[in-house]
Structure formats: structure tokens, C-alpha cells
Amino acid sequence: MKLNKISALLAFLSISTLPASAIYIGASAGYFFDADDEFFAVRIGVPGSESGRFSHNFELEALTLSFSDADLSKRLRPITANYRGVFNLNESLGIYAGLGLGLANVQASRDGERQSDVTFSGQAFAGALFNVTSDIQVGAGLRYINADSVKLFGVDERVGDDIAVELTAGYRF
């Protein structure tokens, strides 16, 4: 929990020094196939350099996913620093791809008892975007996520990897 508060404070301090016109926010909702459950994610980002129709973007993202296996219910909450490249095919359509690395808090509960651990997390994502206006985008894509093992209830638990389909929306200030 303390790690999440420190990460949020650092993200706020680093982003609050940027002009408002350089900031964008976004959200995604989707479905992970192996976990057989939906997820939600929010992100805040800044554009980097642009060359022609290609732009480089840097963002912080938080995701939440709940899933169960056998008698153990888990909640995965990674916070990642992402790179997102966007190639605009024309004024209305674009494609994106990116990578993210960070830490994931994994909480588990069994028989009324809760435990949590923090582990390394990584992800890759790609998809298509539609520019509704110059400031609003919607899209659809795929996401791959992987998290290392954690120690819960005295046992090394493999968190593992999964693939998701997602819908995304963003707003550029």
C-alpha cells in the first residue's frame, strides 16, 4: 500500500510540472481470456516527439483485475510506466503499439484471511484508434500482461500471463 502512495505522489509531481496542453488521460475496459474476467485501467500521459504521422508517448497506467483459481481469490493491481507509439494513417484513423514495465500488487484471500505481495509486471499492447475529434479518441486492441510469482499464505503462487481484448478512450487537454 505504501508503494502505491509513493508511486502516485511521484507521478503527480512529475506530471504537474508540465503544461496542461501536453497532458492526456485515458481509460480501458476489457476481458482477459485465461482469468475469465473483465479488467479496468486508467492512464495519464504526455506526448513525446513527433515525426510526420508518428508520435512517441509516455504514460503511467494503473490496472485492476480480479480472478480465482481453486480456493484462492486474487486481485492484481499493476502500475506501469508505458511507452506508446502512435502512427496516424490519416486524420481519423491510427494504430498504436506499446510496452510497459512496473510493479504489481497482488492480493489474495482464502477462508476470510487476506495477504498481499508486490512483484514485477510487464505488458505489451496494440490496437487501432479512431479520432472522434482532435482531442477525443476511441479504439480497440489487444493486451498481453505478465506478472512474476508472489509468496502468499507461505506458498509461491504463480501469477502468470494473460491476453485480453479491450476498448479504450482518451482525451487530450
Protein backbone atom coordinates (compact mmCIF):
# COMPACT_ATOMS: atom_id res chain seq x y z
CA MET A 1 0.00 0.00 0.00
CA LYS A 2 2.83 2.39 0.86
CA LEU A 3 4.42 1.67 -2.54
CA ASN A 4 1.19 2.68 -4.34
CA LYS A 5 1.05 6.01 -2.45
CA ILE A 6 4.70 6.79 -3.24
CA SER A 7 4.21 5.91 -6.92
CA ALA A 8 1.12 8.11 -7.15
CA LEU A 9 2.92 11.03 -5.50
CA LEU A 10 5.92 10.75 -7.84
CA ALA A 11 3.63 10.53 -10.86
CA PHE A 12 1.68 13.60 -9.76
CA LEU A 13 4.82 15.63 -9.08
CA SER A 14 6.43 14.76 -12.41
CA ILE A 15 3.27 15.39 -14.45
CA SER A 16 2.18 18.52 -12.55
CA THR A 17 5.25 20.39 -13.87
CA LEU A 18 4.05 20.01 -17.49
CA PRO A 19 1.79 22.50 -19.27
CA ALA A 20 -1.84 21.33 -19.26
CA SER A 21 -1.93 21.18 -23.07
CA ALA A 22 0.67 18.41 -23.02
CA ILE A 23 -1.31 16.01 -20.84
CA TYR A 24 -3.78 13.32 -21.88
CA ILE A 25 -5.89 10.86 -19.92
CA GLY A 26 -7.37 7.57 -20.95
CA ALA A 27 -9.25 4.55 -19.77
CA SER A 28 -9.61 0.97 -20.97
CA ALA A 29 -12.03 -1.80 -20.22
CA GLY A 30 -11.59 -5.33 -21.45
CA TYR A 31 -11.69 -9.04 -20.91
CA PHE A 32 -8.78 -11.35 -20.01
CA PHE A 33 -9.26 -14.81 -21.51
CA ASP A 34 -7.39 -17.05 -19.03
CA ALA A 35 -8.62 -15.18 -15.95
CA ASP A 36 -12.10 -15.26 -17.49
CA ASP A 37 -12.81 -11.82 -16.09
CA GLU A 38 -13.02 -8.17 -17.03
CA PHE A 39 -10.44 -5.50 -16.20
CA PHE A 40 -10.33 -1.73 -15.98
CA ALA A 41 -7.35 0.56 -16.48
CA VAL A 42 -6.70 4.30 -16.29
CA ARG A 43 -3.70 6.19 -17.62
CA ILE A 44 -2.21 9.66 -17.73
CA GLY A 45 0.40 10.52 -20.31
CA VAL A 46 2.43 13.08 -22.14
CA PRO A 47 3.33 13.19 -25.82
CA GLY A 48 7.00 13.00 -26.70
CA SER A 49 8.45 13.88 -30.06
CA GLU A 50 6.52 13.68 -33.31
CA SER A 51 7.94 12.96 -36.73
CA GLY A 52 5.45 13.14 -39.55
CA ARG A 53 2.50 10.94 -38.73
CA PHE A 54 4.29 9.05 -35.90
CA SER A 55 4.26 10.17 -32.25
CA HIS A 56 6.01 8.87 -29.13
CA ASN A 57 4.02 8.93 -25.87
CA PHE A 58 4.97 8.22 -22.26
CA GLU A 59 2.39 7.33 -19.63
CA LEU A 60 1.63 5.90 -16.21
CA GLU A 61 -1.13 3.30 -16.06
CA ALA A 62 -2.97 1.55 -13.26
CA LEU A 63 -4.99 -1.60 -13.93
CA THR A 64 -7.18 -3.80 -11.76
CA LEU A 65 -8.17 -7.42 -12.40
CA SER A 66 -9.82 -9.97 -10.11
CA PHE A 67 -9.69 -13.72 -10.70
CA SER A 68 -9.97 -17.01 -8.84
CA ASP A 69 -8.32 -20.40 -9.04
CA ALA A 70 -9.31 -23.31 -6.83
CA ASP A 71 -9.91 -21.91 -3.32
CA LEU A 72 -7.90 -18.69 -3.77
CA SER A 73 -9.35 -15.34 -4.93
CA LYS A 74 -6.75 -12.90 -6.28
CA ARG A 75 -6.70 -9.25 -7.25
CA LEU A 76 -3.89 -7.99 -9.50
CA ARG A 77 -3.16 -4.25 -9.50
CA PRO A 78 -0.14 -3.33 -11.62
CA ILE A 79 1.16 0.21 -12.03
CA THR A 80 3.33 0.51 -15.12
CA ALA A 81 5.36 3.14 -16.93
CA ASN A 82 4.40 2.76 -20.59
CA TYR A 83 5.80 3.77 -23.95
CA ARG A 84 3.09 4.09 -26.63
CA GLY A 85 3.87 4.71 -30.29
CA VAL A 86 1.01 6.01 -32.44
CA PHE A 87 1.01 6.06 -36.25
CA ASN A 88 -1.79 8.13 -37.79
CA LEU A 89 -2.95 6.56 -41.05
CA ASN A 90 -4.98 9.69 -41.81
CA GLU A 91 -6.79 12.39 -39.79
CA SER A 92 -9.38 9.91 -38.47
CA LEU A 93 -7.59 6.56 -38.09
CA GLY A 94 -4.43 5.44 -36.37
CA ILE A 95 -2.71 2.38 -34.96
CA TYR A 96 -0.80 2.09 -31.70
CA ALA A 97 1.61 -0.29 -30.02
CA GLY A 98 3.47 -0.11 -26.74
CA LEU A 99 5.24 -1.69 -23.81
CA GLY A 100 5.01 -1.13 -20.08
CA LEU A 101 7.08 -2.15 -17.06
CA GLY A 102 6.25 -1.74 -13.40
CA LEU A 103 5.18 -3.33 -10.16
CA ALA A 104 2.02 -5.23 -9.36
CA ASN A 105 0.34 -5.56 -6.00
CA VAL A 106 -1.24 -9.00 -5.72
CA GLN A 107 -3.85 -9.51 -3.02
CA ALA A 108 -5.30 -12.90 -2.21
CA SER A 109 -7.99 -14.12 0.13
CA ARG A 110 -8.83 -17.59 1.32
CA ASP A 111 -11.20 -18.61 4.09
CA GLY A 112 -11.60 -14.99 5.23
CA GLU A 113 -7.85 -14.36 5.50
CA ARG A 114 -6.05 -11.82 3.26
CA GLN A 115 -2.43 -11.48 2.23
CA SER A 116 -0.61 -9.40 -0.38
CA ASP A 117 2.76 -9.20 -2.08
CA VAL A 118 4.41 -7.00 -4.70
CA THR A 119 6.06 -8.34 -7.85
CA PHE A 120 7.44 -7.23 -11.22
CA SER A 121 4.92 -6.75 -14.03
CA GLY A 122 5.23 -6.16 -17.75
CA GLN A 123 2.80 -5.68 -20.61
CA ALA A 124 2.55 -5.17 -24.35
CA PHE A 125 -0.42 -3.74 -26.22
CA ALA A 126 -1.52 -2.83 -29.74
CA GLY A 127 -4.66 -1.70 -31.49
CA ALA A 128 -6.49 0.76 -33.70
CA LEU A 129 -7.71 4.27 -32.88
CA PHE A 130 -10.46 6.47 -34.24
CA ASN A 131 -10.18 10.23 -33.71
CA VAL A 132 -13.68 11.42 -32.81
CA THR A 133 -12.34 15.00 -32.58
CA SER A 134 -8.82 16.39 -32.39
CA ASP A 135 -8.95 15.85 -28.59
CA ILE A 136 -11.02 12.65 -28.22
CA GLN A 137 -10.01 9.15 -29.35
CA VAL A 138 -11.69 5.77 -29.06
CA GLY A 139 -10.20 2.43 -30.01
CA ALA A 140 -9.95 -1.31 -29.67
CA GLY A 141 -6.95 -3.52 -29.15
CA LEU A 142 -5.19 -6.47 -27.58
CA ARG A 143 -3.14 -6.55 -24.38
CA TYR A 144 -0.65 -9.09 -23.05
CA ILE A 145 0.28 -8.90 -19.37
CA ASN A 146 2.75 -10.89 -17.28
CA ALA A 147 3.49 -10.81 -13.55
CA ASP A 148 6.13 -12.75 -11.64
CA SER A 149 5.37 -15.14 -8.81
CA VAL A 150 4.43 -13.94 -5.33
CA LYS A 151 4.54 -15.54 -1.90
CA LEU A 152 1.05 -15.84 -0.44
CA PHE A 153 -0.01 -17.97 2.52
CA GLY A 154 3.52 -19.39 2.71
CA VAL A 155 3.43 -20.71 -0.86
CA ASP A 156 4.98 -19.36 -4.05
CA GLU A 157 1.99 -18.54 -6.25
CA ARG A 158 2.49 -18.14 -9.98
CA VAL A 159 0.58 -15.08 -11.17
CA GLY A 160 1.48 -15.73 -14.80
CA ASP A 161 0.37 -14.13 -18.03
CA ASP A 162 -2.81 -13.48 -19.96
CA ILE A 163 -4.15 -11.91 -23.15
CA ALA A 164 -7.08 -9.51 -23.28
CA VAL A 165 -9.26 -7.67 -25.77
CA GLU A 166 -10.03 -4.09 -24.82
CA LEU A 167 -11.92 -0.95 -25.68
CA THR A 168 -10.15 2.30 -24.96
CA ALA A 169 -10.94 6.01 -24.87
CA GLY A 170 -8.75 9.04 -24.35
CA TYR A 171 -8.93 12.81 -24.01
CA ARG A 172 -6.09 15.22 -24.79
CA PHE A 173 -6.15 18.52 -22.86
